[in-house]
């Protein structure tokens, strides 16, 4: 069983500071009718962008800013009914555009159309995974034609608020108690992703799926499950993968033997993990123990861990906002060498 990281030597980030940072990540900029000065007007691509209805050229799509620093993160996070920002590039004047949300699972609309105006849009009122749908009105002879375009990526992940957990349980799923609930002065997740069996293969970034981060505990038959996941971790992992590929002189698409040994851990499960830190970052969704065949020899060895560690150092040097913990686990206690990576907000290094 993988061990957790060494306890942090510096105080944890306060919930207010973390929430402010999360709000920045929840979405960076939406370009709406009231924000024409910042609007990205571009030429529409020749091919449609995963249309919801039949049309030839798209009117709007997610801009590069929607996918994080790595440009590979495929989720944006929100609480129910929260005002968020959603970066869009448009090929026309956005005046008259409307938006609504559709469930990823079946494509059914879950909200009524609302004018796209101002710098923010509003998330759906219930937890789940959604895609933005844009409605465009045009005139055809004597009638009005409404074209619906689904922005397939990024997916909006609406979380269940942390406060809905009661007595350590959320909707029948045992999570446990965080230190912040007992002692105060510690961090806690803003909310949890609600994961059904059909959500496990949902792409959260280019190389990772939602199922990679589910707690490996004794609740295999309990659904839905709940996961704390920080988009900063996803961004950092994708940047590390890209850096490893760069060091090998290959494309990130060719990277193989990429595995998450441990992603989110509920506090209840973390307490059962041998040598786990009491306040492990795994509990907050910003840590993962990963394995990468970094040298491409088809085996997982200590050499791979050293290469990944070097890539983590390079990423943190280039992106100080993603600084965090790095633990290298290569001793004989572990069947497979692996590396712990987190985005806790301050630098920490150790060996296991």
Protein backbone atom coordinates (compact mmCIF):
# COMPACT_ATOMS: atom_id res chain seq x y z
CA UNK A 1 0.00 0.00 0.00
CA UNK A 2 1.47 3.39 -0.96
CA UNK A 3 2.62 5.59 1.87
CA UNK A 4 1.64 9.23 2.15
CA UNK A 5 3.84 12.27 2.16
CA UNK A 6 5.79 13.67 5.05
CA UNK A 7 3.82 16.17 7.15
CA UNK A 8 4.16 19.73 5.94
CA UNK A 9 6.82 21.76 7.71
CA UNK A 10 4.98 25.03 7.08
CA UNK A 11 1.42 25.94 8.13
CA UNK A 12 -1.37 24.91 5.77
CA UNK A 13 -2.96 27.54 3.58
CA UNK A 14 -6.02 29.12 5.16
CA UNK A 15 -9.38 28.27 3.66
CA UNK A 16 -9.91 31.88 2.66
CA UNK A 17 -6.61 32.08 0.78
CA UNK A 18 -7.22 28.70 -0.84
CA UNK A 19 -10.75 29.66 -1.82
CA UNK A 20 -9.48 32.86 -3.41
CA UNK A 21 -6.94 30.87 -5.38
CA UNK A 22 -9.63 28.35 -6.34
CA UNK A 23 -11.93 31.14 -7.48
CA UNK A 24 -9.25 32.25 -9.93
CA UNK A 25 -9.04 28.69 -11.25
CA UNK A 26 -12.78 28.09 -11.24
CA UNK A 27 -12.67 30.05 -14.52
CA UNK A 28 -10.53 32.91 -15.69
CA UNK A 29 -12.41 35.16 -18.13
CA UNK A 30 -15.75 34.99 -19.91
CA UNK A 31 -16.17 37.25 -22.87
CA UNK A 32 -19.83 38.33 -22.85
CA UNK A 33 -21.96 41.07 -24.33
CA UNK A 34 -20.98 43.53 -21.60
CA UNK A 35 -17.31 42.74 -21.96
CA UNK A 36 -16.88 43.51 -25.64
CA UNK A 37 -13.66 45.39 -24.96
CA UNK A 38 -12.04 42.14 -23.84
CA UNK A 39 -13.83 39.95 -26.39
CA UNK A 40 -11.74 37.59 -28.44
CA UNK A 41 -13.03 38.02 -31.98
CA UNK A 42 -11.49 35.38 -34.22
CA UNK A 43 -12.24 33.72 -37.52
CA UNK A 44 -14.38 30.66 -37.05
CA UNK A 45 -12.65 27.37 -37.82
CA UNK A 46 -13.63 25.54 -40.97
CA UNK A 47 -15.00 22.53 -39.07
CA UNK A 48 -17.76 22.62 -36.45
CA UNK A 49 -16.76 22.28 -32.79
CA UNK A 50 -18.88 19.33 -31.64
CA UNK A 51 -22.20 20.92 -32.61
CA UNK A 52 -25.41 20.36 -30.70
CA UNK A 53 -27.43 20.89 -33.87
CA UNK A 54 -26.68 21.00 -37.57
CA UNK A 55 -24.66 23.98 -38.71
CA UNK A 56 -21.55 24.61 -40.76
CA UNK A 57 -19.36 26.94 -38.71
CA UNK A 58 -19.26 27.57 -34.97
CA UNK A 59 -20.11 30.92 -33.42
CA UNK A 60 -18.21 30.44 -30.15
CA UNK A 61 -15.94 27.95 -28.44
CA UNK A 62 -13.77 27.68 -25.35
CA UNK A 63 -10.59 29.73 -25.68
CA UNK A 64 -7.15 28.42 -24.73
CA UNK A 65 -7.39 30.17 -21.36
CA UNK A 66 -10.08 27.69 -20.34
CA UNK A 67 -7.64 24.80 -20.06
CA UNK A 68 -5.08 25.98 -17.50
CA UNK A 69 -1.40 26.75 -17.87
CA UNK A 70 -0.77 23.33 -19.38
CA UNK A 71 -3.68 23.82 -21.84
CA UNK A 72 -4.63 20.23 -21.00
CA UNK A 73 -7.02 20.50 -18.02
CA UNK A 74 -10.54 19.53 -19.08
CA UNK A 75 -12.54 20.45 -15.94
CA UNK A 76 -13.56 23.75 -14.43
CA UNK A 77 -14.94 23.75 -10.90
CA UNK A 78 -17.88 25.48 -9.24
CA UNK A 79 -20.34 25.21 -6.39
CA UNK A 80 -24.07 24.96 -7.19
CA UNK A 81 -25.57 28.19 -8.52
CA UNK A 82 -22.24 30.02 -8.26
CA UNK A 83 -21.32 32.83 -10.63
CA UNK A 84 -18.26 31.75 -12.59
CA UNK A 85 -16.14 32.82 -15.53
CA UNK A 86 -15.84 30.70 -18.65
CA UNK A 87 -13.34 31.83 -21.31
CA UNK A 88 -14.86 31.96 -24.77
CA UNK A 89 -13.68 32.93 -28.21
CA UNK A 90 -16.44 34.17 -30.52
CA UNK A 91 -16.68 34.64 -34.25
CA UNK A 92 -19.35 37.34 -34.15
CA UNK A 93 -20.92 40.02 -31.99
CA UNK A 94 -22.12 38.17 -28.86
CA UNK A 95 -25.18 40.40 -28.49
CA UNK A 96 -28.23 38.15 -28.52
CA UNK A 97 -26.36 34.97 -27.58
CA UNK A 98 -27.92 32.87 -24.82
CA UNK A 99 -26.54 29.98 -22.83
CA UNK A 100 -27.79 26.97 -20.90
CA UNK A 101 -26.24 23.87 -19.34
CA UNK A 102 -26.59 20.28 -20.53
CA UNK A 103 -25.72 17.15 -18.54
CA UNK A 104 -22.67 15.31 -19.85
CA UNK A 105 -24.31 11.93 -19.27
CA UNK A 106 -27.25 12.32 -21.66
CA UNK A 107 -26.95 15.76 -23.27
CA UNK A 108 -30.27 16.89 -21.83
CA UNK A 109 -30.63 20.57 -20.96
CA UNK A 110 -30.86 21.12 -17.20
CA UNK A 111 -31.36 24.92 -17.19
CA UNK A 112 -33.43 27.36 -19.20
CA UNK A 113 -31.71 29.64 -21.76
CA UNK A 114 -30.30 32.81 -20.22
CA UNK A 115 -28.84 35.85 -22.05
CA UNK A 116 -25.06 35.82 -22.26
CA UNK A 117 -24.39 39.24 -20.80
CA UNK A 118 -21.74 40.61 -18.50
CA UNK A 119 -18.55 39.02 -17.25
CA UNK A 120 -20.06 35.98 -15.53
CA UNK A 121 -22.38 33.06 -16.06
CA UNK A 122 -24.18 30.99 -13.44
CA UNK A 123 -23.51 27.31 -12.72
CA UNK A 124 -26.37 24.78 -12.53
CA UNK A 125 -28.07 24.43 -9.16
CA UNK A 126 -27.21 20.75 -8.66
CA UNK A 127 -23.94 18.85 -8.38
CA UNK A 128 -22.86 17.05 -11.54
CA UNK A 129 -20.93 17.38 -14.78
CA UNK A 130 -22.15 19.77 -17.45
CA UNK A 131 -21.33 21.23 -20.84
CA UNK A 132 -22.05 24.77 -21.91
CA UNK A 133 -24.61 25.16 -24.70
CA UNK A 134 -24.75 28.43 -26.66
CA UNK A 135 -27.94 29.46 -28.43
CA UNK A 136 -27.67 31.72 -31.47
CA UNK A 137 -30.66 33.37 -33.13
CA UNK A 138 -30.63 34.14 -36.83
CA UNK A 139 -33.20 35.15 -39.44
CA UNK A 140 -34.12 32.82 -42.28
CA UNK A 141 -36.68 34.35 -44.63
CA UNK A 142 -39.62 35.24 -42.35
CA UNK A 143 -38.73 33.03 -39.41
CA UNK A 144 -36.21 32.96 -36.56
CA UNK A 145 -33.81 30.03 -36.46
CA UNK A 146 -32.15 29.03 -33.19
CA UNK A 147 -28.87 27.17 -33.46
CA UNK A 148 -27.55 25.30 -30.43
CA UNK A 149 -23.83 24.72 -30.08
CA UNK A 150 -22.39 22.53 -27.35
CA UNK A 151 -18.94 23.49 -26.07
CA UNK A 152 -17.69 19.97 -25.38
CA UNK A 153 -14.63 21.05 -23.37
CA UNK A 154 -13.96 22.00 -20.71
CA UNK A 155 -16.59 20.24 -18.62
CA UNK A 156 -18.03 22.18 -15.72
CA UNK A 157 -17.82 20.13 -12.50
CA UNK A 158 -20.35 21.36 -9.96
CA UNK A 159 -19.32 20.15 -6.52
CA UNK A 160 -21.33 19.14 -3.48
CA UNK A 161 -20.48 21.77 -0.83
CA UNK A 162 -18.28 20.59 2.03
CA UNK A 163 -20.95 21.64 4.54
CA UNK A 164 -23.32 18.94 3.26
CA UNK A 165 -21.14 16.25 4.82
CA UNK A 166 -22.69 15.28 8.16
CA UNK A 167 -21.13 13.07 10.87
CA UNK A 168 -18.40 12.11 8.41
CA UNK A 169 -20.85 10.79 5.81
CA UNK A 170 -22.09 12.24 2.52
CA UNK A 171 -25.08 10.55 0.89
CA UNK A 172 -24.12 7.15 2.30
CA UNK A 173 -20.42 7.48 1.42
CA UNK A 174 -18.09 7.49 4.44
CA UNK A 175 -15.55 10.30 4.25
CA UNK A 176 -14.55 10.88 7.85
CA UNK A 177 -13.54 14.00 9.73
CA UNK A 178 -10.98 16.61 8.74
CA UNK A 179 -8.60 18.19 11.25
CA UNK A 180 -10.22 21.55 10.56
CA UNK A 181 -13.50 20.18 11.90
CA UNK A 182 -11.90 19.02 15.15
CA UNK A 183 -9.14 21.52 15.78
CA UNK A 184 -9.66 24.48 13.47
CA UNK A 185 -6.73 26.26 11.85
CA UNK A 186 -6.41 23.69 9.06
CA UNK A 187 -7.44 23.48 5.45
CA UNK A 188 -10.52 21.72 4.11
CA UNK A 189 -11.90 21.11 0.61
CA UNK A 190 -14.44 23.55 -0.74
CA UNK A 191 -16.53 20.66 -1.96
CA UNK A 192 -16.58 17.16 -3.43
CA UNK A 193 -17.20 15.86 -6.94
CA UNK A 194 -20.11 13.41 -7.01
CA UNK A 195 -19.00 10.39 -9.03
CA UNK A 196 -21.40 7.81 -10.42
CA UNK A 197 -20.27 4.63 -12.13
CA UNK A 198 -20.79 6.28 -15.49
CA UNK A 199 -18.46 9.16 -14.59
CA UNK A 200 -15.34 7.08 -13.92
CA UNK A 201 -13.99 7.44 -17.48
CA UNK A 202 -14.64 11.18 -17.65
CA UNK A 203 -11.46 12.95 -18.80
CA UNK A 204 -10.29 15.47 -16.22
CA UNK A 205 -7.16 16.29 -18.22
CA UNK A 206 -5.34 14.98 -21.26
CA UNK A 207 -3.75 11.98 -19.52
CA UNK A 208 -6.04 11.38 -16.54
CA UNK A 209 -9.60 10.28 -15.84
CA UNK A 210 -11.85 10.94 -12.87
CA UNK A 211 -11.57 7.32 -11.77
CA UNK A 212 -7.82 7.75 -11.29
CA UNK A 213 -8.49 9.86 -8.20
CA UNK A 214 -11.16 7.80 -6.40
CA UNK A 215 -10.23 6.60 -2.90
CA UNK A 216 -9.10 2.95 -2.80
CA UNK A 217 -10.98 1.91 0.32
CA UNK A 218 -13.54 -0.69 1.33
CA UNK A 219 -16.46 1.11 -0.32
CA UNK A 220 -16.17 -0.45 -3.75
CA UNK A 221 -19.92 -1.08 -3.97
CA UNK A 222 -21.00 2.33 -2.67
CA UNK A 223 -22.21 4.77 -5.34
CA UNK A 224 -22.08 7.64 -5.83
CA UNK A 225 -18.59 8.21 -4.51
CA UNK A 226 -17.16 11.59 -3.61
CA UNK A 227 -13.79 13.02 -4.57
CA UNK A 228 -11.93 16.18 -3.63
CA UNK A 229 -9.86 17.29 -6.61
CA UNK A 230 -7.91 20.50 -7.13
CA UNK A 231 -7.41 21.68 -10.73
CA UNK A 232 -3.97 22.99 -9.77
CA UNK A 233 -2.89 19.38 -9.27
CA UNK A 234 -4.18 18.41 -12.71
CA UNK A 235 -2.33 21.33 -14.28
CA UNK A 236 0.89 20.39 -12.50
CA UNK A 237 0.65 16.71 -13.45
CA UNK A 238 0.13 17.55 -17.11
CA UNK A 239 3.08 19.96 -17.07
CA UNK A 240 5.24 17.23 -15.50
CA UNK A 241 4.20 14.72 -18.16
CA UNK A 242 5.01 17.27 -20.87
CA UNK A 243 8.39 18.00 -19.27
CA UNK A 244 9.26 14.28 -19.08
CA UNK A 245 8.33 13.93 -22.76
CA UNK A 246 10.50 16.93 -23.58
CA UNK A 247 13.45 15.40 -21.72
CA UNK A 248 13.01 12.19 -23.73
CA UNK A 249 12.57 14.05 -27.00
CA UNK A 250 9.14 12.57 -27.66
CA UNK A 251 5.62 13.96 -27.83
CA UNK A 252 3.39 13.90 -24.71
CA UNK A 253 0.92 11.78 -26.69
CA UNK A 254 3.46 8.95 -26.79
CA UNK A 255 3.86 8.73 -23.02
CA UNK A 256 2.96 5.25 -21.74
CA UNK A 257 2.81 3.42 -18.39
CA UNK A 258 1.20 6.40 -16.71
CA UNK A 259 -0.63 5.42 -13.53
CA UNK A 260 -2.05 7.04 -10.40
CA UNK A 261 -1.39 4.78 -7.41
CA UNK A 262 -3.21 7.06 -5.00
CA UNK A 263 -5.21 10.21 -5.64
CA UNK A 264 -7.85 11.48 -3.25
CA UNK A 265 -7.95 9.81 0.15
CA UNK A 266 -10.84 10.32 2.52
CA UNK A 267 -9.65 11.17 6.05
CA UNK A 268 -11.16 7.87 7.20
CA UNK A 269 -9.07 5.91 4.72
CA UNK A 270 -5.95 8.02 5.22
CA UNK A 271 -5.98 7.11 8.91
CA UNK A 272 -5.60 3.45 7.87
CA UNK A 273 -2.68 4.00 5.49
CA UNK A 274 0.64 2.90 6.93
CA UNK A 275 3.04 5.81 7.55
CA UNK A 276 0.49 8.29 6.22
CA UNK A 277 0.83 11.91 7.32
CA UNK A 278 -2.00 12.86 9.66
CA UNK A 279 -2.78 15.91 7.53
CA UNK A 280 -1.90 14.31 4.18
CA UNK A 281 -2.48 16.50 1.15
CA UNK A 282 -4.22 13.53 -0.48
CA UNK A 283 -7.24 14.41 1.68
CA UNK A 284 -7.54 17.81 0.00
CA UNK A 285 -7.38 16.63 -3.59
CA UNK A 286 -4.11 18.36 -4.47
CA UNK A 287 -1.79 15.32 -4.24
CA UNK A 288 -1.20 12.15 -6.24
CA UNK A 289 1.24 9.25 -6.12
CA UNK A 290 2.11 8.49 -9.72
CA UNK A 291 4.14 6.08 -11.82
CA UNK A 292 5.56 7.04 -15.21
CA UNK A 293 7.79 4.98 -17.48
CA UNK A 294 9.89 8.10 -17.88
CA UNK A 295 12.81 6.53 -19.74
CA UNK A 296 10.59 4.51 -22.06
CA UNK A 297 12.25 1.15 -21.42
CA UNK A 298 8.99 -0.61 -20.60
CA UNK A 299 9.86 -1.02 -16.91
CA UNK A 300 9.22 1.02 -13.76
CA UNK A 301 12.51 1.54 -11.93
CA UNK A 302 14.28 4.02 -9.67
CA UNK A 303 15.61 5.69 -12.79
CA UNK A 304 12.08 6.65 -13.76
CA UNK A 305 11.51 8.25 -10.36
CA UNK A 306 14.65 10.34 -10.68
CA UNK A 307 13.59 11.60 -14.11
CA UNK A 308 10.09 12.48 -12.86
CA UNK A 309 11.57 14.27 -9.84
CA UNK A 310 13.78 16.33 -12.14
CA UNK A 311 10.72 17.20 -14.24
CA UNK A 312 8.83 18.32 -11.12
CA UNK A 313 11.71 20.64 -10.15
CA UNK A 314 11.72 22.13 -13.64
CA UNK A 315 7.95 22.69 -13.63
CA UNK A 316 8.06 24.41 -10.23
CA UNK A 317 10.90 26.63 -11.39
CA UNK A 318 8.90 27.70 -14.44
CA UNK A 319 5.58 27.92 -12.58
CA UNK A 320 6.12 29.03 -8.96
CA UNK A 321 2.37 29.20 -8.40
CA UNK A 322 2.32 25.38 -8.62
CA UNK A 323 5.05 24.79 -6.05
CA UNK A 324 4.44 21.91 -3.64
CA UNK A 325 5.65 18.61 -2.29
CA UNK A 326 7.80 15.99 -3.96
CA UNK A 327 8.35 12.60 -2.36
CA UNK A 328 10.46 9.86 -3.98
CA UNK A 329 9.56 6.34 -2.86
CA UNK A 330 12.18 3.90 -4.14
CA UNK A 331 13.07 1.82 -1.06
CA UNK A 332 12.61 -1.94 -0.92
CA UNK A 333 9.43 -1.46 1.12
CA UNK A 334 7.58 -0.64 -2.10
CA UNK A 335 6.99 -3.17 -4.84
CA UNK A 336 6.95 -0.43 -7.49
CA UNK A 337 8.89 2.84 -7.19
CA UNK A 338 6.65 5.88 -7.38
CA UNK A 339 6.66 9.65 -6.91
CA UNK A 340 4.37 11.78 -4.77
CA UNK A 341 3.48 15.14 -6.33
CA UNK A 342 1.34 17.82 -4.74
CA UNK A 343 0.48 21.50 -5.14
CA UNK A 344 0.27 22.50 -1.48
CA UNK A 345 1.59 26.02 -2.10
CA UNK A 346 5.05 25.75 -0.55
CA UNK A 347 8.10 23.63 -1.34
CA UNK A 348 8.71 20.36 0.51
CA UNK A 349 11.02 17.45 -0.38
CA UNK A 350 11.56 13.99 1.14
CA UNK A 351 12.36 10.34 0.40
CA UNK A 352 10.44 7.28 1.46
